[in-house]
Amino acid sequence: MKVFGRATVNEFLNDRIVYRNLAPQDGRLPPLDEIRGELGLPPRQIPRKSEPDYGRLIVHFLKLARSFEAPGTAIRRLIFIGDTHLLDATAFDNICNLGGWPGLAFIGAETAQPLKIEVVPSAGGQTVFLSNRWSALGGEGERSFARFCSEQGFPIDEATALVVDLDKTAIGARGRNAEVIDQARVQAVYDTVSKLLGATFDQKTFRSAYDQLNQFEFHPFTADNQDYLAYICLILGGGLYDLEGLVESVRRKNMQTFRQFIDVVESRKTELPSSLAGIHAEIYANVLIDDPTPFKPFRRNEYLNTVGRMGCLDDATPVEQLLRGEIVITQEVRLLALDWQKRGALLFCLSDKPDEASIPTPELAAQGHAPIHRTLTHVVGE
């Protein structure tokens, strides 16, 4: 493993990226709210990555982006690079099937075991190339994904769309550097909850609640939504519930959803500490309008903690330390993207990270902060 200088994700994506709100950073592409009616999508709802409506939107964006850069050229095939077999392969299937395109996907997650490559069919009938090495992505190696694409009759040209996942793929590669992304999010929850609770904040109680409720067992309750989890930890810290009682209530299915939980808090809001009344009212109002990221102060802290971990270490820092302390760009993804961009492929990037955790406020932008994909950081790979 070695360091390949510094770069930004924008170097190879040119703002062709959507975060969770599905408002493309490329200003030529319309945001979700402008095309809901055209695509027959319901009002207010923001589809998630694994949903067919998400795939429908990405197909629309890809076709528009291709028409801007190569007028008259139709997309004929799609290649996807991600890090999570179930979620990314589902999104990949939806995009391919709704676009009417054949597809190949690379799903990487680095491990210490010997190189393993497995080619499997996706649920939607496409082909998925699984590997425990990001280095299996490019190059001319006998078992590389790039060579596999050629063998499968997938030329890389203007009729090819390459869709790249951002989080834990283009940056913070899973199995290699992903823990630093997680550390930024956990620190953001800690910073937000501790500030709101002030002197009553108990670090041990917070960590116990966060670690337990962040487990898969409680995903039906938290909807695997970090805003919801942060709010629940805040309410627990405020003393309206205790962790043991809440866990028992969830397991007995007396408390089944986050909406049920926040409705109960609303009915008991006079019992909240005065310091939490305002933030509860703000979050509850956002939940009522189906905002998927209702805890705005937490997400703004996540943005600061994330970009604060990008490009933060000296150039002379050993690579092992970089991987533990900084969110870095994955060189193998960068190289493949730059090469295929030169051959004419359309590049597009997806991120399920909320816009509030990815893009600076106007005040922060005025201070020199940039969106995650435009933030300079080190590049690491084999």
Protein backbone atom coordinates (compact mmCIF):
# COMPACT_ATOMS: atom_id res chain seq x y z
CA MET A 1 0.00 0.00 0.00
CA LYS A 2 1.29 3.45 -0.84
CA VAL A 3 0.25 7.12 -1.01
CA PHE A 4 -0.37 8.71 -4.41
CA GLY A 5 -0.40 12.37 -3.40
CA ARG A 6 -3.60 14.34 -2.84
CA ALA A 7 -6.72 14.77 -4.95
CA THR A 8 -10.46 15.36 -4.79
CA VAL A 9 -13.23 13.02 -5.89
CA ASN A 10 -14.33 15.83 -8.18
CA GLU A 11 -11.14 15.28 -10.19
CA PHE A 12 -12.77 12.30 -11.86
CA LEU A 13 -16.49 13.04 -11.32
CA ASN A 14 -16.84 16.72 -12.29
CA ASP A 15 -19.79 17.33 -9.94
CA ARG A 16 -21.77 14.41 -11.40
CA ILE A 17 -22.88 13.27 -7.96
CA VAL A 18 -26.11 13.07 -5.99
CA TYR A 19 -26.34 12.95 -2.22
CA ARG A 20 -29.43 11.71 -0.38
CA ASN A 21 -31.73 14.59 -1.36
CA LEU A 22 -31.19 13.69 -5.02
CA ALA A 23 -30.30 17.20 -6.12
CA PRO A 24 -27.36 16.69 -8.53
CA GLN A 25 -24.30 18.84 -7.86
CA ASP A 26 -24.02 19.35 -11.62
CA GLY A 27 -26.25 22.39 -12.06
CA ARG A 28 -27.29 21.29 -15.54
CA LEU A 29 -29.25 18.40 -14.03
CA PRO A 30 -32.60 19.13 -12.35
CA PRO A 31 -33.20 18.36 -8.66
CA LEU A 32 -35.76 15.78 -7.64
CA ASP A 33 -38.48 18.30 -6.82
CA GLU A 34 -38.46 19.70 -10.36
CA ILE A 35 -39.08 16.35 -12.04
CA ARG A 36 -41.39 14.52 -9.65
CA GLY A 37 -44.43 15.02 -11.86
CA GLU A 38 -42.57 14.09 -15.03
CA LEU A 39 -41.47 10.78 -13.47
CA GLY A 40 -44.73 10.11 -11.62
CA LEU A 41 -43.15 10.25 -8.16
CA PRO A 42 -45.20 11.08 -5.04
CA PRO A 43 -44.80 14.51 -3.40
CA ARG A 44 -42.24 15.07 -0.62
CA GLN A 45 -40.98 11.49 -0.52
CA ILE A 46 -37.24 11.00 -1.16
CA PRO A 47 -36.67 7.43 -2.37
CA ARG A 48 -33.84 5.48 -0.79
CA LYS A 49 -31.08 3.78 -2.69
CA SER A 50 -32.61 0.30 -2.77
CA GLU A 51 -36.03 1.48 -4.03
CA PRO A 52 -37.15 1.30 -7.69
CA ASP A 53 -38.02 5.03 -7.73
CA TYR A 54 -34.39 5.79 -6.86
CA GLY A 55 -33.28 3.74 -9.85
CA ARG A 56 -35.81 5.56 -12.05
CA LEU A 57 -34.30 8.92 -11.06
CA ILE A 58 -30.72 7.78 -11.65
CA VAL A 59 -31.65 6.51 -15.11
CA HIS A 60 -33.16 9.92 -15.87
CA PHE A 61 -30.01 11.70 -14.65
CA LEU A 62 -27.72 9.40 -16.62
CA LYS A 63 -29.60 9.90 -19.88
CA LEU A 64 -29.63 13.68 -19.43
CA ALA A 65 -25.93 13.80 -18.53
CA ARG A 66 -25.08 11.70 -21.59
CA SER A 67 -27.08 14.00 -23.86
CA PHE A 68 -25.13 17.02 -22.58
CA GLU A 69 -21.68 15.54 -23.18
CA ALA A 70 -22.27 13.25 -26.15
CA PRO A 71 -25.41 14.40 -28.01
CA GLY A 72 -26.98 11.64 -30.04
CA THR A 73 -25.18 8.87 -28.15
CA ALA A 74 -27.36 6.43 -26.23
CA ILE A 75 -26.23 4.53 -23.15
CA ARG A 76 -26.10 0.82 -24.03
CA ARG A 77 -24.49 -0.72 -20.94
CA LEU A 78 -23.90 0.08 -17.27
CA ILE A 79 -21.07 -0.75 -14.90
CA PHE A 80 -21.42 -0.24 -11.14
CA ILE A 81 -18.74 -0.07 -8.43
CA GLY A 82 -19.80 -0.39 -4.80
CA ASP A 83 -18.97 -1.95 -1.44
CA THR A 84 -22.16 -3.61 -0.11
CA HIS A 85 -23.50 -6.69 -1.83
CA LEU A 86 -27.15 -6.46 -0.83
CA LEU A 87 -27.75 -2.69 -0.98
CA ASP A 88 -25.52 -1.82 -3.92
CA ALA A 89 -26.51 -4.85 -5.99
CA THR A 90 -30.18 -3.95 -5.49
CA ALA A 91 -29.57 -0.36 -6.64
CA PHE A 92 -27.53 -1.69 -9.57
CA ASP A 93 -30.34 -4.07 -10.58
CA ASN A 94 -32.95 -1.32 -10.45
CA ILE A 95 -30.88 1.07 -12.56
CA CYS A 96 -30.11 -1.59 -15.17
CA ASN A 97 -33.64 -2.93 -15.40
CA LEU A 98 -35.32 0.49 -15.51
CA GLY A 99 -32.80 1.73 -18.06
CA GLY A 100 -33.08 -1.42 -20.14
CA TRP A 101 -29.31 -1.92 -19.97
CA PRO A 102 -27.15 -4.99 -19.42
CA GLY A 103 -24.87 -4.50 -16.46
CA LEU A 104 -21.77 -5.63 -14.60
CA ALA A 105 -21.04 -4.70 -10.99
CA PHE A 106 -17.90 -4.82 -8.88
CA ILE A 107 -18.49 -5.10 -5.13
CA GLY A 108 -15.34 -4.75 -3.03
CA ALA A 109 -14.70 -5.28 0.68
CA GLU A 110 -11.05 -5.81 1.63
CA THR A 111 -10.07 -8.59 4.04
CA ALA A 112 -6.82 -10.11 5.28
CA GLN A 113 -7.60 -13.46 3.67
CA PRO A 114 -6.03 -14.58 0.37
CA LEU A 115 -7.47 -13.04 -2.78
CA LYS A 116 -10.97 -14.29 -3.45
CA ILE A 117 -13.08 -13.51 -6.50
CA GLU A 118 -16.59 -14.77 -7.05
CA VAL A 119 -18.87 -14.03 -10.00
CA VAL A 120 -22.54 -14.40 -9.12
CA PRO A 121 -25.88 -13.50 -10.69
CA SER A 122 -27.78 -10.64 -9.10
CA ALA A 123 -31.41 -10.99 -8.07
CA GLY A 124 -32.39 -8.99 -11.15
CA GLY A 125 -30.46 -11.15 -13.61
CA GLN A 126 -27.31 -9.02 -13.97
CA THR A 127 -23.74 -10.07 -13.14
CA VAL A 128 -21.88 -9.21 -9.93
CA PHE A 129 -18.11 -9.56 -9.49
CA LEU A 130 -17.28 -9.90 -5.76
CA SER A 131 -13.75 -9.43 -4.47
CA ASN A 132 -11.96 -9.04 -1.16
CA ARG A 133 -9.33 -6.81 -2.79
CA TRP A 134 -9.83 -3.33 -4.20
CA SER A 135 -6.71 -4.02 -6.25
CA ALA A 136 -8.77 -6.54 -8.26
CA LEU A 137 -10.66 -3.63 -9.78
CA GLY A 138 -8.37 -2.38 -12.54
CA GLY A 139 -5.27 -3.15 -14.49
CA GLU A 140 -4.57 -5.95 -16.91
CA GLY A 141 -4.24 -8.70 -14.34
CA GLU A 142 -5.66 -12.05 -15.29
CA ARG A 143 -8.34 -11.80 -12.59
CA SER A 144 -9.07 -8.08 -12.69
CA PHE A 145 -12.56 -6.66 -13.06
CA ALA A 146 -11.41 -4.45 -15.95
CA ARG A 147 -10.30 -7.52 -17.87
CA PHE A 148 -13.51 -9.32 -16.91
CA CYS A 149 -15.54 -6.49 -18.46
CA SER A 150 -13.63 -6.89 -21.71
CA GLU A 151 -14.13 -10.67 -21.68
CA GLN A 152 -17.87 -10.16 -21.16
CA GLY A 153 -18.10 -7.97 -24.25
CA PHE A 154 -18.42 -4.67 -22.36
CA PRO A 155 -16.34 -2.12 -24.25
CA ILE A 156 -15.55 1.12 -22.44
CA ASP A 157 -16.73 3.93 -24.68
CA GLU A 158 -19.32 6.72 -24.92
CA ALA A 159 -22.15 4.18 -24.75
CA THR A 160 -20.96 2.99 -21.32
CA ALA A 161 -22.12 4.52 -18.02
CA LEU A 162 -19.97 3.96 -14.94
CA VAL A 163 -21.81 4.50 -11.65
CA VAL A 164 -19.59 4.73 -8.57
CA ASP A 165 -20.66 4.67 -4.93
CA LEU A 166 -18.98 7.42 -2.91
CA ASP A 167 -18.97 6.34 0.73
CA LYS A 168 -16.73 3.36 1.54
CA THR A 169 -15.92 2.94 -2.17
CA ALA A 170 -14.46 6.06 -3.81
CA ILE A 171 -13.52 7.31 -0.34
CA GLY A 172 -13.01 5.32 2.87
CA ALA A 173 -12.81 1.96 1.10
CA ARG A 174 -14.62 -0.79 2.98
CA GLY A 175 -12.22 -3.09 4.81
CA ARG A 176 -9.35 -0.63 4.36
CA ASN A 177 -10.37 2.85 5.53
CA ALA A 178 -14.13 2.78 6.24
CA GLU A 179 -13.82 2.99 10.02
CA VAL A 180 -12.74 6.63 9.80
CA ILE A 181 -16.07 7.52 8.16
CA ASP A 182 -17.88 5.76 11.00
CA GLN A 183 -15.74 7.54 13.59
CA ALA A 184 -16.73 10.91 12.11
CA ARG A 185 -20.42 10.07 12.40
CA VAL A 186 -20.20 8.75 15.97
CA GLN A 187 -18.19 11.80 17.02
CA ALA A 188 -20.87 14.02 15.47
CA VAL A 189 -23.58 12.32 17.53
CA TYR A 190 -21.42 12.69 20.64
CA ASP A 191 -20.68 16.37 19.97
CA THR A 192 -24.33 17.20 19.30
CA VAL A 193 -25.86 15.31 22.23
CA SER A 194 -23.21 16.43 24.74
CA LYS A 195 -23.64 20.09 23.79
CA LEU A 196 -27.43 19.95 24.08
CA LEU A 197 -27.37 18.12 27.42
CA GLY A 198 -24.56 20.21 28.88
CA ALA A 199 -23.61 19.33 32.45
CA THR A 200 -26.13 16.49 32.60
CA PHE A 201 -24.42 14.58 29.75
CA ASP A 202 -23.13 11.17 30.82
CA GLN A 203 -20.62 9.77 28.34
CA LYS A 204 -20.90 6.17 29.54
CA THR A 205 -24.71 6.18 29.34
CA PHE A 206 -24.59 7.76 25.88
CA ARG A 207 -22.14 5.20 24.53
CA SER A 208 -24.12 2.27 25.94
CA ALA A 209 -27.32 3.55 24.34
CA TYR A 210 -25.70 4.33 20.99
CA ASP A 211 -23.83 1.02 20.73
CA GLN A 212 -26.84 -1.12 21.65
CA LEU A 213 -29.50 0.67 19.60
CA ASN A 214 -27.20 0.83 16.57
CA GLN A 215 -27.32 -2.96 16.28
CA PHE A 216 -29.25 -4.76 13.53
CA GLU A 217 -31.78 -6.05 16.09
CA PHE A 218 -33.09 -2.50 16.57
CA HIS A 219 -33.16 -1.41 12.91
CA PRO A 220 -36.95 -1.88 12.63
CA PHE A 221 -37.28 0.62 15.49
CA THR A 222 -34.61 3.12 14.39
CA ALA A 223 -35.17 2.49 10.64
CA ASP A 224 -31.34 2.31 10.54
CA ASN A 225 -31.50 6.12 10.46
CA GLN A 226 -28.71 7.92 12.29
CA ASP A 227 -30.85 11.04 12.84
CA TYR A 228 -33.41 8.92 14.66
CA LEU A 229 -30.72 7.16 16.68
CA ALA A 230 -29.08 10.44 17.69
CA TYR A 231 -32.44 11.83 18.80
CA ILE A 232 -33.24 8.70 20.81
CA CYS A 233 -29.85 8.98 22.57
CA LEU A 234 -30.63 12.63 23.32
CA ILE A 235 -34.00 11.78 24.88
CA LEU A 236 -32.44 8.98 26.92
CA GLY A 237 -29.80 11.43 28.14
CA GLY A 238 -32.58 13.86 29.09
CA GLY A 239 -34.08 11.26 31.41
CA LEU A 240 -37.50 10.83 29.79
CA TYR A 241 -36.71 7.12 29.19
CA ASP A 242 -34.07 4.76 30.51
CA LEU A 243 -32.20 2.46 28.13
CA GLU A 244 -33.17 -0.81 29.80
CA GLY A 245 -36.86 0.06 29.80
CA LEU A 246 -36.79 1.23 26.16
CA VAL A 247 -34.95 -1.91 25.01
CA GLU A 248 -37.49 -4.11 26.77
CA SER A 249 -40.36 -2.13 25.26
CA VAL A 250 -38.90 -2.54 21.75
CA ARG A 251 -38.29 -6.25 22.21
CA ARG A 252 -41.84 -6.75 23.47
CA LYS A 253 -43.04 -4.77 20.43
CA ASN A 254 -44.77 -2.22 22.62
CA MET A 255 -42.55 0.39 20.95
CA GLN A 256 -42.19 -0.59 17.29
CA THR A 257 -41.28 2.52 15.29
CA PHE A 258 -39.43 5.78 15.68
CA ARG A 259 -42.59 7.70 14.79
CA GLN A 260 -44.34 6.02 17.72
CA PHE A 261 -41.43 6.98 19.99
CA ILE A 262 -41.32 10.67 19.02
CA ASP A 263 -45.13 10.91 19.24
CA VAL A 264 -44.91 9.70 22.84
CA VAL A 265 -42.17 12.25 23.55
CA GLU A 266 -44.38 14.96 22.05
CA SER A 267 -47.22 13.94 24.37
CA ARG A 268 -44.82 14.22 27.33
CA LYS A 269 -42.82 17.22 26.15
CA THR A 270 -43.56 19.20 29.32
CA GLU A 271 -41.40 16.63 31.14
CA LEU A 272 -38.36 17.38 28.96
CA PRO A 273 -35.52 19.52 30.35
CA SER A 274 -35.94 23.10 29.14
CA SER A 275 -32.70 22.80 27.14
CA LEU A 276 -34.29 20.11 24.93
CA ALA A 277 -37.66 21.72 24.29
CA GLY A 278 -36.52 23.71 21.26
CA ILE A 279 -34.58 20.93 19.53
CA HIS A 280 -37.41 18.46 20.13
CA ALA A 281 -39.89 20.88 18.53
CA GLU A 282 -37.60 21.35 15.52
CA ILE A 283 -37.04 17.62 14.99
CA TYR A 284 -40.71 16.77 15.51
CA ALA A 285 -41.76 19.37 12.92
CA ASN A 286 -39.29 17.87 10.42
CA VAL A 287 -40.58 14.36 11.07
CA LEU A 288 -44.15 15.52 10.40
CA ILE A 289 -43.14 16.64 6.89
CA ASP A 290 -41.32 13.34 6.23
CA ASP A 291 -37.85 14.88 6.26
CA PRO A 292 -35.49 11.86 6.33
CA THR A 293 -32.78 13.92 8.07
CA PRO A 294 -34.73 15.76 10.78
CA PHE A 295 -31.85 16.29 13.24
CA LYS A 296 -30.08 19.12 11.40
CA PRO A 297 -27.52 20.12 14.08
CA PHE A 298 -26.27 16.51 14.20
CA ARG A 299 -25.86 16.34 10.42
CA ARG A 300 -24.02 19.67 10.30
CA ASN A 301 -21.65 18.30 12.92
CA GLU A 302 -21.24 15.16 10.82
CA TYR A 303 -20.21 17.32 7.86
CA LEU A 304 -17.61 19.14 9.97
CA ASN A 305 -16.29 15.90 11.46
CA THR A 306 -16.10 14.28 8.03
CA VAL A 307 -14.24 17.03 6.17
CA GLY A 308 -12.13 17.51 9.30
CA ARG A 309 -10.82 14.00 8.71
CA MET A 310 -9.99 14.62 5.03
CA GLY A 311 -6.48 15.78 4.15
CA CYS A 312 -5.81 16.44 7.83
CA LEU A 313 -2.49 14.57 8.18
CA ASP A 314 0.96 15.52 6.89
CA ASP A 315 2.24 14.15 3.59
CA ALA A 316 5.02 12.32 5.46
CA THR A 317 2.49 10.36 7.57
CA PRO A 318 3.01 6.56 7.21
CA VAL A 319 0.31 4.96 5.09
CA GLU A 320 -0.94 2.75 7.93
CA GLN A 321 -1.50 5.84 10.06
CA LEU A 322 -3.26 7.62 7.18
CA LEU A 323 -5.69 4.73 6.85
CA ARG A 324 -6.47 4.90 10.58
CA GLY A 325 -6.75 8.67 10.90
CA GLU A 326 -7.88 10.19 7.60
CA ILE A 327 -10.65 9.56 5.07
CA VAL A 328 -8.71 8.91 1.87
CA ILE A 329 -9.55 8.44 -1.79
CA THR A 330 -9.29 4.87 -3.09
CA GLN A 331 -6.55 4.93 -5.74
CA GLU A 332 -7.87 1.85 -7.56
CA VAL A 333 -11.29 3.49 -8.04
CA ARG A 334 -9.69 6.79 -9.05
CA LEU A 335 -7.39 5.20 -11.63
CA LEU A 336 -10.17 3.17 -13.24
CA ALA A 337 -12.48 6.19 -13.36
CA LEU A 338 -9.84 8.47 -14.90
CA ASP A 339 -8.93 5.84 -17.50
CA TRP A 340 -12.51 5.08 -18.47
CA GLN A 341 -13.37 8.78 -18.57
CA LYS A 342 -10.63 9.23 -21.19
CA ARG A 343 -12.23 6.46 -23.23
CA GLY A 344 -15.52 8.35 -23.25
CA ALA A 345 -17.50 6.58 -20.53
CA LEU A 346 -20.04 8.65 -18.59
CA LEU A 347 -19.16 8.77 -14.87
CA PHE A 348 -21.77 9.32 -12.18
CA CYS A 349 -21.52 9.04 -8.40
CA LEU A 350 -24.08 8.09 -5.74
CA SER A 351 -24.01 8.86 -2.03
CA ASP A 352 -26.63 7.96 0.55
CA LYS A 353 -25.11 10.51 2.95
CA PRO A 354 -27.53 13.39 3.63
CA ASP A 355 -26.85 16.68 1.89
CA GLU A 356 -26.63 18.38 5.31
CA ALA A 357 -23.72 16.05 6.16
CA SER A 358 -22.04 16.48 2.78
CA ILE A 359 -22.36 20.13 1.71
CA PRO A 360 -21.36 23.19 3.74
CA THR A 361 -23.86 25.82 4.83
CA PRO A 362 -23.44 29.19 3.06
CA GLU A 363 -21.65 30.47 6.16
CA LEU A 364 -19.17 27.57 6.11
CA ALA A 365 -18.71 27.86 2.35
CA ALA A 366 -17.80 31.53 2.84
CA GLN A 367 -15.08 30.34 5.25
CA GLY A 368 -13.60 28.09 2.57
CA HIS A 369 -15.32 24.78 3.28
CA ALA A 370 -16.22 22.62 0.28
CA PRO A 371 -18.57 19.68 -0.36
CA ILE A 372 -17.10 16.29 0.46
CA HIS A 373 -16.44 15.47 -3.19
CA ARG A 374 -14.50 18.74 -3.62
CA THR A 375 -12.42 18.39 -0.42
CA LEU A 376 -8.72 17.65 -0.95
CA THR A 377 -7.41 14.54 0.75
CA HIS A 378 -4.73 11.86 0.33
CA VAL A 379 -5.02 9.07 -2.21
CA VAL A 380 -4.06 5.56 -1.06
CA GLY A 381 -4.00 2.23 -2.86
CA GLU A 382 -1.91 -0.62 -4.19
